[in-house]
Amino acid sequence: ILGIPDINQILIKIKRGRLLPTGIFKLLFGKKNITRI
């Protein structure tokens, strides 16, 4: 069985899907606050 953290809780805040300049930090530091899988 494979469950993954709902990374969309972070991606929804990343404008136009761009990791740079700030999206990468939202992705790295947001994982610990994910509440759904």
PDB file of all heavy atoms in Angstrom:
ATOM      1  N   ILE A   1       0.859  -1.172   0.000  1.00  0.00           N
ATOM      2  CA  ILE A   1       0.000   0.000   0.000  1.00  0.00           C
ATOM      3  C   ILE A   1       0.897   1.224   0.000  1.00  0.00           C
ATOM      4  O   ILE A   1       1.939   1.237   0.665  1.00  0.00           O
ATOM      5  CB  ILE A   1      -0.954   0.004   1.219  1.00  0.00           C
ATOM      6  CG1 ILE A   1      -2.010   1.106   1.084  1.00  0.00           C
ATOM      7  CG2 ILE A   1      -0.196   0.137   2.528  1.00  0.00           C
ATOM      8  CD1 ILE A   1      -3.130   0.985   2.122  1.00  0.00           C
ATOM      9  N   LEU A   2       0.513   2.227  -0.781  1.00  0.00           N
ATOM     10  CA  LEU A   2       1.301   3.446  -0.870  1.00  0.00           C
ATOM     11  C   LEU A   2       0.432   4.657  -0.577  1.00  0.00           C
ATOM     12  O   LEU A   2      -0.539   4.921  -1.295  1.00  0.00           O
ATOM     13  CB  LEU A   2       1.926   3.587  -2.266  1.00  0.00           C
ATOM     14  CG  LEU A   2       2.637   4.922  -2.559  1.00  0.00           C
ATOM     15  CD1 LEU A   2       3.794   5.132  -1.590  1.00  0.00           C
ATOM     16  CD2 LEU A   2       3.127   4.959  -4.006  1.00  0.00           C
ATOM     17  N   GLY A   3       0.776   5.341   0.494  1.00  0.00           N
ATOM     18  CA  GLY A   3       0.158   6.623   0.799  1.00  0.00           C
ATOM     19  C   GLY A   3       1.216   7.705   0.714  1.00  0.00           C
ATOM     20  O   GLY A   3       2.352   7.505   1.152  1.00  0.00           O
ATOM     21  N   ILE A   4       0.854   8.831   0.122  1.00  0.00           N
ATOM     22  CA  ILE A   4       1.815   9.926   0.000  1.00  0.00           C
ATOM     23  C   ILE A   4       1.248  11.183   0.647  1.00  0.00           C
ATOM     24  O   ILE A   4       0.031  11.395   0.660  1.00  0.00           O
ATOM     25  CB  ILE A   4       2.179  10.219  -1.472  1.00  0.00           C
ATOM     26  CG1 ILE A   4       0.924  10.576  -2.275  1.00  0.00           C
ATOM     27  CG2 ILE A   4       2.925   9.040  -2.082  1.00  0.00           C
ATOM     28  CD1 ILE A   4       1.222  11.068  -3.677  1.00  0.00           C
ATOM     29  N   PRO A   5       2.108  12.035   1.219  1.00  0.00           N
ATOM     30  CA  PRO A   5       1.621  13.301   1.763  1.00  0.00           C
ATOM     31  C   PRO A   5       0.950  14.125   0.662  1.00  0.00           C
ATOM     32  O   PRO A   5       1.390  14.102  -0.496  1.00  0.00           O
ATOM     33  CB  PRO A   5       2.899  13.983   2.264  1.00  0.00           C
ATOM     34  CG  PRO A   5       3.894  12.872   2.430  1.00  0.00           C
ATOM     35  CD  PRO A   5       3.557  11.864   1.384  1.00  0.00           C
ATOM     36  N   ASP A   6      -0.104  14.831   1.012  1.00  0.00           N
ATOM     37  CA  ASP A   6      -0.822  15.649   0.034  1.00  0.00           C
ATOM     38  C   ASP A   6      -0.012  16.891  -0.281  1.00  0.00           C
ATOM     39  O   ASP A   6      -0.249  17.972   0.254  1.00  0.00           O
ATOM     40  CB  ASP A   6      -2.213  16.025   0.554  1.00  0.00           C
ATOM     41  CG  ASP A   6      -2.980  16.862  -0.463  1.00  0.00           C
ATOM     42  OD1 ASP A   6      -2.665  16.766  -1.666  1.00  0.00           O
ATOM     43  OD2 ASP A   6      -3.878  17.612  -0.051  1.00  0.00           O
ATOM     44  N   ILE A   7       0.929  16.711  -1.189  1.00  0.00           N
ATOM     45  CA  ILE A   7       1.842  17.788  -1.557  1.00  0.00           C
ATOM     46  C   ILE A   7       1.099  18.975  -2.169  1.00  0.00           C
ATOM     47  O   ILE A   7       1.623  20.094  -2.243  1.00  0.00           O
ATOM     48  CB  ILE A   7       2.914  17.237  -2.530  1.00  0.00           C
ATOM     49  CG1 ILE A   7       4.167  18.119  -2.541  1.00  0.00           C
ATOM     50  CG2 ILE A   7       2.359  17.029  -3.907  1.00  0.00           C
ATOM     51  CD1 ILE A   7       5.012  17.940  -1.333  1.00  0.00           C
ATOM     52  N   ASN A   8      -0.151  18.749  -2.598  1.00  0.00           N
ATOM     53  CA  ASN A   8      -0.942  19.840  -3.168  1.00  0.00           C
ATOM     54  C   ASN A   8      -1.205  20.958  -2.155  1.00  0.00           C
ATOM     55  O   ASN A   8      -1.494  22.091  -2.540  1.00  0.00           O
ATOM     56  CB  ASN A   8      -2.261  19.322  -3.728  1.00  0.00           C
ATOM     57  CG  ASN A   8      -2.091  18.722  -5.113  1.00  0.00           C
ATOM     58  OD1 ASN A   8      -0.975  18.551  -5.590  1.00  0.00           O
ATOM     59  ND2 ASN A   8      -3.192  18.398  -5.763  1.00  0.00           N
ATOM     60  N   GLN A   9      -1.144  20.621  -0.876  1.00  0.00           N
ATOM     61  CA  GLN A   9      -1.295  21.663   0.141  1.00  0.00           C
ATOM     62  C   GLN A   9      -0.185  22.709   0.032  1.00  0.00           C
ATOM     63  O   GLN A   9      -0.349  23.846   0.476  1.00  0.00           O
ATOM     64  CB  GLN A   9      -1.293  21.045   1.546  1.00  0.00           C
ATOM     65  CG  GLN A   9      -2.527  20.211   1.840  1.00  0.00           C
ATOM     66  CD  GLN A   9      -2.543  19.686   3.271  1.00  0.00           C
ATOM     67  OE1 GLN A   9      -1.711  20.039   4.092  1.00  0.00           O
ATOM     68  NE2 GLN A   9      -3.502  18.826   3.566  1.00  0.00           N
ATOM     69  N   ILE A  10       0.939  22.315  -0.558  1.00  0.00           N
ATOM     70  CA  ILE A  10       2.043  23.245  -0.786  1.00  0.00           C
ATOM     71  C   ILE A  10       1.990  23.809  -2.207  1.00  0.00           C
ATOM     72  O   ILE A  10       2.136  25.009  -2.418  1.00  0.00           O
ATOM     73  CB  ILE A  10       3.405  22.542  -0.566  1.00  0.00           C
ATOM     74  CG1 ILE A  10       3.467  21.945   0.841  1.00  0.00           C
ATOM     75  CG2 ILE A  10       4.560  23.519  -0.781  1.00  0.00           C
ATOM     76  CD1 ILE A  10       4.662  21.060   1.059  1.00  0.00           C
ATOM     77  N   LEU A  11       1.755  22.928  -3.188  1.00  0.00           N
ATOM     78  CA  LEU A  11       1.772  23.366  -4.586  1.00  0.00           C
ATOM     79  C   LEU A  11       0.740  24.455  -4.860  1.00  0.00           C
ATOM     80  O   LEU A  11       0.954  25.301  -5.731  1.00  0.00           O
ATOM     81  CB  LEU A  11       1.520  22.174  -5.516  1.00  0.00           C
ATOM     82  CG  LEU A  11       2.568  21.059  -5.504  1.00  0.00           C
ATOM     83  CD1 LEU A  11       2.220  20.005  -6.546  1.00  0.00           C
ATOM     84  CD2 LEU A  11       3.958  21.614  -5.746  1.00  0.00           C
ATOM     85  N   ILE A  12      -0.367  24.444  -4.142  1.00  0.00           N
ATOM     86  CA  ILE A  12      -1.410  25.441  -4.366  1.00  0.00           C
ATOM     87  C   ILE A  12      -0.905  26.853  -4.077  1.00  0.00           C
ATOM     88  O   ILE A  12      -1.480  27.850  -4.546  1.00  0.00           O
ATOM     89  CB  ILE A  12      -2.666  25.103  -3.508  1.00  0.00           C
ATOM     90  CG1 ILE A  12      -3.902  25.797  -4.082  1.00  0.00           C
ATOM     91  CG2 ILE A  12      -2.446  25.452  -2.048  1.00  0.00           C
ATOM     92  CD1 ILE A  12      -5.206  25.312  -3.459  1.00  0.00           C
ATOM     93  N   LYS A  13       0.198  26.938  -3.323  1.00  0.00           N
ATOM     94  CA  LYS A  13       0.775  28.242  -2.968  1.00  0.00           C
ATOM     95  C   LYS A  13       1.947  28.638  -3.871  1.00  0.00           C
ATOM     96  O   LYS A  13       2.503  29.723  -3.718  1.00  0.00           O
ATOM     97  CB  LYS A  13       1.259  28.209  -1.510  1.00  0.00           C
ATOM     98  CG  LYS A  13       0.171  27.862  -0.500  1.00  0.00           C
ATOM     99  CD  LYS A  13       0.761  27.686   0.890  1.00  0.00           C
ATOM    100  CE  LYS A  13      -0.299  27.235   1.891  1.00  0.00           C
ATOM    101  NZ  LYS A  13       0.296  26.980   3.238  1.00  0.00           N
ATOM    102  N   ILE A  14       2.320  27.743  -4.800  1.00  0.00           N
ATOM    103  CA  ILE A  14       3.459  28.014  -5.676  1.00  0.00           C
ATOM    104  C   ILE A  14       2.954  28.576  -6.998  1.00  0.00           C
ATOM    105  O   ILE A  14       2.388  27.852  -7.813  1.00  0.00           O
ATOM    106  CB  ILE A  14       4.309  26.749  -5.896  1.00  0.00           C
ATOM    107  CG1 ILE A  14       4.875  26.272  -4.555  1.00  0.00           C
ATOM    108  CG2 ILE A  14       5.429  27.009  -6.888  1.00  0.00           C
ATOM    109  CD1 ILE A  14       5.707  25.013  -4.641  1.00  0.00           C
ATOM    110  N   LYS A  15       3.147  29.842  -7.205  1.00  0.00           N
ATOM    111  CA  LYS A  15       2.580  30.549  -8.353  1.00  0.00           C
ATOM    112  C   LYS A  15       3.094  29.989  -9.670  1.00  0.00           C
ATOM    113  O   LYS A  15       4.292  29.858  -9.882  1.00  0.00           O
ATOM    114  CB  LYS A  15       2.906  32.042  -8.252  1.00  0.00           C
ATOM    115  CG  LYS A  15       2.165  32.898  -9.270  1.00  0.00           C
ATOM    116  CD  LYS A  15       2.419  34.371  -9.031  1.00  0.00           C
ATOM    117  CE  LYS A  15       1.643  35.223 -10.032  1.00  0.00           C
ATOM    118  NZ  LYS A  15       1.862  36.670  -9.815  1.00  0.00           N
ATOM    119  N   ARG A  16       2.134  29.604 -10.524  1.00  0.00           N
ATOM    120  CA  ARG A  16       2.402  29.114 -11.876  1.00  0.00           C
ATOM    121  C   ARG A  16       3.373  27.930 -11.902  1.00  0.00           C
ATOM    122  O   ARG A  16       4.026  27.660 -12.905  1.00  0.00           O
ATOM    123  CB  ARG A  16       2.907  30.247 -12.776  1.00  0.00           C
ATOM    124  CG  ARG A  16       1.914  31.401 -12.904  1.00  0.00           C
ATOM    125  CD  ARG A  16       2.412  32.511 -13.801  1.00  0.00           C
ATOM    126  NE  ARG A  16       2.345  32.131 -15.211  1.00  0.00           N
ATOM    127  CZ  ARG A  16       1.250  32.174 -15.967  1.00  0.00           C
ATOM    128  NH1 ARG A  16       0.092  32.555 -15.433  1.00  0.00           N
ATOM    129  NH2 ARG A  16       1.287  31.835 -17.238  1.00  0.00           N
ATOM    130  N   GLY A  17       3.466  27.203 -10.782  1.00  0.00           N
ATOM    131  CA  GLY A  17       4.265  25.990 -10.737  1.00  0.00           C
ATOM    132  C   GLY A  17       5.761  26.208 -10.827  1.00  0.00           C
ATOM    133  O   GLY A  17       6.507  25.268 -11.127  1.00  0.00           O
ATOM    134  N   ARG A  18       6.220  27.428 -10.554  1.00  0.00           N
ATOM    135  CA  ARG A  18       7.654  27.710 -10.654  1.00  0.00           C
ATOM    136  C   ARG A  18       8.334  27.535  -9.304  1.00  0.00           C
ATOM    137  O   ARG A  18       7.927  28.129  -8.313  1.00  0.00           O
ATOM    138  CB  ARG A  18       7.870  29.142 -11.133  1.00  0.00           C
ATOM    139  CG  ARG A  18       8.075  29.324 -12.631  1.00  0.00           C
ATOM    140  CD  ARG A  18       7.026  28.711 -13.480  1.00  0.00           C
ATOM    141  NE  ARG A  18       7.206  29.094 -14.910  1.00  0.00           N
ATOM    142  CZ  ARG A  18       6.283  28.933 -15.806  1.00  0.00           C
ATOM    143  NH1 ARG A  18       5.126  28.390 -15.481  1.00  0.00           N
ATOM    144  NH2 ARG A  18       6.500  29.286 -17.070  1.00  0.00           N
ATOM    145  N   LEU A  19       9.388  26.731  -9.281  1.00  0.00           N
ATOM    146  CA  LEU A  19      10.130  26.515  -8.037  1.00  0.00           C
ATOM    147  C   LEU A  19      11.017  27.700  -7.690  1.00  0.00           C
ATOM    148  O   LEU A  19      11.370  27.889  -6.520  1.00  0.00           O
ATOM    149  CB  LEU A  19      10.979  25.250  -8.149  1.00  0.00           C
ATOM    150  CG  LEU A  19      10.202  23.930  -8.078  1.00  0.00           C
ATOM    151  CD1 LEU A  19      11.149  22.755  -8.291  1.00  0.00           C
ATOM    152  CD2 LEU A  19       9.470  23.792  -6.754  1.00  0.00           C
ATOM    153  N   LEU A  20      11.382  28.485  -8.674  1.00  0.00           N
ATOM    154  CA  LEU A  20      12.235  29.640  -8.422  1.00  0.00           C
ATOM    155  C   LEU A  20      11.448  30.932  -8.645  1.00  0.00           C
ATOM    156  O   LEU A  20      10.576  30.986  -9.508  1.00  0.00           O
ATOM    157  CB  LEU A  20      13.463  29.614  -9.347  1.00  0.00           C
ATOM    158  CG  LEU A  20      14.386  28.395  -9.186  1.00  0.00           C
ATOM    159  CD1 LEU A  20      15.483  28.431 -10.250  1.00  0.00           C
ATOM    160  CD2 LEU A  20      14.999  28.358  -7.794  1.00  0.00           C
ATOM    161  N   PRO A  21      11.699  31.963  -7.831  1.00  0.00           N
ATOM    162  CA  PRO A  21      12.752  32.014  -6.808  1.00  0.00           C
ATOM    163  C   PRO A  21      12.322  31.509  -5.434  1.00  0.00           C
ATOM    164  O   PRO A  21      13.163  31.174  -4.607  1.00  0.00           O
ATOM    165  CB  PRO A  21      13.068  33.508  -6.744  1.00  0.00           C
ATOM    166  CG  PRO A  21      11.766  34.162  -7.070  1.00  0.00           C
ATOM    167  CD  PRO A  21      11.100  33.284  -8.090  1.00  0.00           C
ATOM    168  N   THR A  22      10.999  31.469  -5.133  1.00  0.00           N
ATOM    169  CA  THR A  22      10.579  31.152  -3.760  1.00  0.00           C
ATOM    170  C   THR A  22       9.875  29.801  -3.626  1.00  0.00           C
ATOM    171  O   THR A  22       9.736  29.284  -2.526  1.00  0.00           O
ATOM    172  CB  THR A  22       9.638  32.245  -3.227  1.00  0.00           C
ATOM    173  OG1 THR A  22       8.472  32.307  -4.078  1.00  0.00           O
ATOM    174  CG2 THR A  22      10.318  33.593  -3.218  1.00  0.00           C
ATOM    175  N   GLY A  23       9.458  29.234  -4.743  1.00  0.00           N
ATOM    176  CA  GLY A  23       8.681  27.992  -4.671  1.00  0.00           C
ATOM    177  C   GLY A  23       9.423  26.850  -4.014  1.00  0.00           C
ATOM    178  O   GLY A  23       8.832  26.049  -3.286  1.00  0.00           O
ATOM    179  N   ILE A  24      10.720  26.763  -4.254  1.00  0.00           N
ATOM    180  CA  ILE A  24      11.507  25.676  -3.679  1.00  0.00           C
ATOM    181  C   ILE A  24      11.487  25.717  -2.159  1.00  0.00           C
ATOM    182  O   ILE A  24      11.443  24.679  -1.491  1.00  0.00           O
ATOM    183  CB  ILE A  24      12.964  25.724  -4.213  1.00  0.00           C
ATOM    184  CG1 ILE A  24      13.750  24.503  -3.747  1.00  0.00           C
ATOM    185  CG2 ILE A  24      13.648  27.024  -3.815  1.00  0.00           C
ATOM    186  CD1 ILE A  24      13.308  23.220  -4.361  1.00  0.00           C
ATOM    187  N   PHE A  25      11.469  26.910  -1.575  1.00  0.00           N
ATOM    188  CA  PHE A  25      11.453  27.030  -0.114  1.00  0.00           C
ATOM    189  C   PHE A  25      10.082  26.644   0.454  1.00  0.00           C
ATOM    190  O   PHE A  25      10.005  26.023   1.522  1.00  0.00           O
ATOM    191  CB  PHE A  25      11.833  28.453   0.292  1.00  0.00           C
ATOM    192  CG  PHE A  25      13.216  28.842  -0.132  1.00  0.00           C
ATOM    193  CD1 PHE A  25      13.401  29.722  -1.180  1.00  0.00           C
ATOM    194  CD2 PHE A  25      14.332  28.307   0.488  1.00  0.00           C
ATOM    195  CE1 PHE A  25      14.684  30.078  -1.597  1.00  0.00           C
ATOM    196  CE2 PHE A  25      15.614  28.648   0.083  1.00  0.00           C
ATOM    197  CZ  PHE A  25      15.785  29.529  -0.963  1.00  0.00           C
ATOM    198  N   LYS A  26       9.038  26.996  -0.262  1.00  0.00           N
ATOM    199  CA  LYS A  26       7.699  26.585   0.163  1.00  0.00           C
ATOM    200  C   LYS A  26       7.593  25.066   0.170  1.00  0.00           C
ATOM    201  O   LYS A  26       6.985  24.465   1.060  1.00  0.00           O
ATOM    202  CB  LYS A  26       6.643  27.190  -0.760  1.00  0.00           C
ATOM    203  CG  LYS A  26       6.516  28.701  -0.645  1.00  0.00           C
ATOM    204  CD  LYS A  26       5.516  29.251  -1.660  1.00  0.00           C
ATOM    205  CE  LYS A  26       5.419  30.765  -1.557  1.00  0.00           C
ATOM    206  NZ  LYS A  26       4.523  31.339  -2.583  1.00  0.00           N
ATOM    207  N   LEU A  27       8.212  24.447  -0.838  1.00  0.00           N
ATOM    208  CA  LEU A  27       8.172  22.990  -0.941  1.00  0.00           C
ATOM    209  C   LEU A  27       8.979  22.332   0.169  1.00  0.00           C
ATOM    210  O   LEU A  27       8.512  21.390   0.821  1.00  0.00           O
ATOM    211  CB  LEU A  27       8.711  22.579  -2.310  1.00  0.00           C
ATOM    212  CG  LEU A  27       8.424  21.155  -2.797  1.00  0.00           C
ATOM    213  CD1 LEU A  27       6.936  20.917  -2.896  1.00  0.00           C
ATOM    214  CD2 LEU A  27       9.089  20.918  -4.138  1.00  0.00           C
ATOM    215  N   LEU A  28      10.173  22.840   0.415  1.00  0.00           N
ATOM    216  CA  LEU A  28      11.061  22.234   1.408  1.00  0.00           C
ATOM    217  C   LEU A  28      10.547  22.384   2.833  1.00  0.00           C
ATOM    218  O   LEU A  28      10.590  21.444   3.629  1.00  0.00           O
ATOM    219  CB  LEU A  28      12.460  22.850   1.293  1.00  0.00           C
ATOM    220  CG  LEU A  28      13.266  22.488   0.038  1.00  0.00           C
ATOM    221  CD1 LEU A  28      14.557  23.293  -0.010  1.00  0.00           C
ATOM    222  CD2 LEU A  28      13.567  20.998   0.003  1.00  0.00           C
ATOM    223  N   PHE A  29      10.053  23.581   3.153  1.00  0.00           N
ATOM    224  CA  PHE A  29       9.667  23.853   4.529  1.00  0.00           C
ATOM    225  C   PHE A  29       8.194  23.580   4.809  1.00  0.00           C
ATOM    226  O   PHE A  29       7.767  23.572   5.965  1.00  0.00           O
ATOM    227  CB  PHE A  29      10.013  25.303   4.884  1.00  0.00           C
ATOM    228  CG  PHE A  29      11.478  25.599   4.810  1.00  0.00           C
ATOM    229  CD1 PHE A  29      11.979  26.506   3.885  1.00  0.00           C
ATOM    230  CD2 PHE A  29      12.379  24.947   5.643  1.00  0.00           C
ATOM    231  CE1 PHE A  29      13.340  26.775   3.801  1.00  0.00           C
ATOM    232  CE2 PHE A  29      13.738  25.207   5.569  1.00  0.00           C
ATOM    233  CZ  PHE A  29      14.226  26.116   4.644  1.00  0.00           C
ATOM    234  N   GLY A  30       7.416  23.339   3.760  1.00  0.00           N
ATOM    235  CA  GLY A  30       5.989  23.110   3.964  1.00  0.00           C
ATOM    236  C   GLY A  30       5.622  21.663   4.246  1.00  0.00           C
ATOM    237  O   GLY A  30       4.544  21.382   4.773  1.00  0.00           O
ATOM    238  N   LYS A  31       6.526  20.723   3.932  1.00  0.00           N
ATOM    239  CA  LYS A  31       6.184  19.307   4.054  1.00  0.00           C
ATOM    240  C   LYS A  31       5.799  18.906   5.476  1.00  0.00           C
ATOM    241  O   LYS A  31       4.924  18.062   5.680  1.00  0.00           O
ATOM    242  CB  LYS A  31       7.352  18.437   3.563  1.00  0.00           C
ATOM    243  CG  LYS A  31       7.543  18.452   2.070  1.00  0.00           C
ATOM    244  CD  LYS A  31       8.441  17.335   1.589  1.00  0.00           C
ATOM    245  CE  LYS A  31       9.841  17.441   2.103  1.00  0.00           C
ATOM    246  NZ  LYS A  31      10.725  16.363   1.575  1.00  0.00           N
ATOM    247  N   LYS A  32       6.447  19.521   6.446  1.00  0.00           N
ATOM    248  CA  LYS A  32       6.199  19.120   7.833  1.00  0.00           C
ATOM    249  C   LYS A  32       4.810  19.529   8.318  1.00  0.00           C
ATOM    250  O   LYS A  32       4.359  19.056   9.368  1.00  0.00           O
ATOM    251  CB  LYS A  32       7.270  19.719   8.744  1.00  0.00           C
ATOM    252  CG  LYS A  32       7.286  21.229   8.833  1.00  0.00           C
ATOM    253  CD  LYS A  32       8.394  21.712   9.759  1.00  0.00           C
ATOM    254  CE  LYS A  32       8.401  23.221   9.913  1.00  0.00           C
ATOM    255  NZ  LYS A  32       8.691  23.918   8.650  1.00  0.00           N
ATOM    256  N   ASN A  33       4.150  20.415   7.576  1.00  0.00           N
ATOM    257  CA  ASN A  33       2.836  20.895   7.993  1.00  0.00           C
ATOM    258  C   ASN A  33       1.677  20.267   7.224  1.00  0.00           C
ATOM    259  O   ASN A  33       0.526  20.670   7.391  1.00  0.00           O
ATOM    260  CB  ASN A  33       2.778  22.424   7.845  1.00  0.00           C
ATOM    261  CG  ASN A  33       3.748  23.134   8.769  1.00  0.00           C
ATOM    262  OD1 ASN A  33       3.873  22.765   9.935  1.00  0.00           O
ATOM    263  ND2 ASN A  33       4.442  24.134   8.256  1.00  0.00           N
ATOM    264  N   ILE A  34       1.962  19.284   6.381  1.00  0.00           N
ATOM    265  CA  ILE A  34       0.905  18.612   5.615  1.00  0.00           C
ATOM    266  C   ILE A  34       0.015  17.806   6.554  1.00  0.00           C
ATOM    267  O   ILE A  34       0.509  17.081   7.425  1.00  0.00           O
ATOM    268  CB  ILE A  34       1.527  17.711   4.526  1.00  0.00           C
ATOM    269  CG1 ILE A  34       2.184  18.586   3.450  1.00  0.00           C
ATOM    270  CG2 ILE A  34       0.472  16.804   3.905  1.00  0.00           C
ATOM    271  CD1 ILE A  34       2.925  17.807   2.395  1.00  0.00           C
ATOM    272  N   THR A  35      -1.289  17.937   6.376  1.00  0.00           N
ATOM    273  CA  THR A  35      -2.243  17.304   7.298  1.00  0.00           C
ATOM    274  C   THR A  35      -3.055  16.183   6.673  1.00  0.00           C
ATOM    275  O   THR A  35      -3.886  15.581   7.355  1.00  0.00           O
ATOM    276  CB  THR A  35      -3.224  18.354   7.847  1.00  0.00           C
ATOM    277  OG1 THR A  35      -3.941  18.945   6.751  1.00  0.00           O
ATOM    278  CG2 THR A  35      -2.489  19.443   8.620  1.00  0.00           C
ATOM    279  N   ARG A  36      -2.846  15.909   5.379  1.00  0.00           N
ATOM    280  CA  ARG A  36      -3.620  14.860   4.712  1.00  0.00           C
ATOM    281  C   ARG A  36      -2.673  13.971   3.911  1.00  0.00           C
ATOM    282  O   ARG A  36      -1.600  14.395   3.481  1.00  0.00           O
ATOM    283  CB  ARG A  36      -4.665  15.442   3.756  1.00  0.00           C
ATOM    284  CG  ARG A  36      -5.483  16.589   4.312  1.00  0.00           C
ATOM    285  CD  ARG A  36      -6.512  16.143   5.321  1.00  0.00           C
ATOM    286  NE  ARG A  36      -7.712  15.604   4.692  1.00  0.00           N
ATOM    287  CZ  ARG A  36      -8.746  15.143   5.373  1.00  0.00           C
ATOM    288  NH1 ARG A  36      -8.722  15.142   6.697  1.00  0.00           N
ATOM    289  NH2 ARG A  36      -9.807  14.668   4.762  1.00  0.00           N
ATOM    290  N   ILE A  37      -3.087  12.736   3.717  1.00  0.00           N
ATOM    291  CA  ILE A  37      -2.342  11.834   2.848  1.00  0.00           C
ATOM    292  C   ILE A  37      -3.297  11.255   1.809  1.00  0.00           C
ATOM    293  O   ILE A  37      -4.511  11.194   2.029  1.00  0.00           O
ATOM    294  CB  ILE A  37      -1.651  10.687   3.623  1.00  0.00           C
ATOM    295  CG1 ILE A  37      -2.687   9.809   4.330  1.00  0.00           C
ATOM    296  CG2 ILE A  37      -0.614  11.213   4.590  1.00  0.00           C
ATOM    297  CD1 ILE A  37      -2.080   8.554   4.942  1.00  0.00           C
TER     298      ILE A  37
END
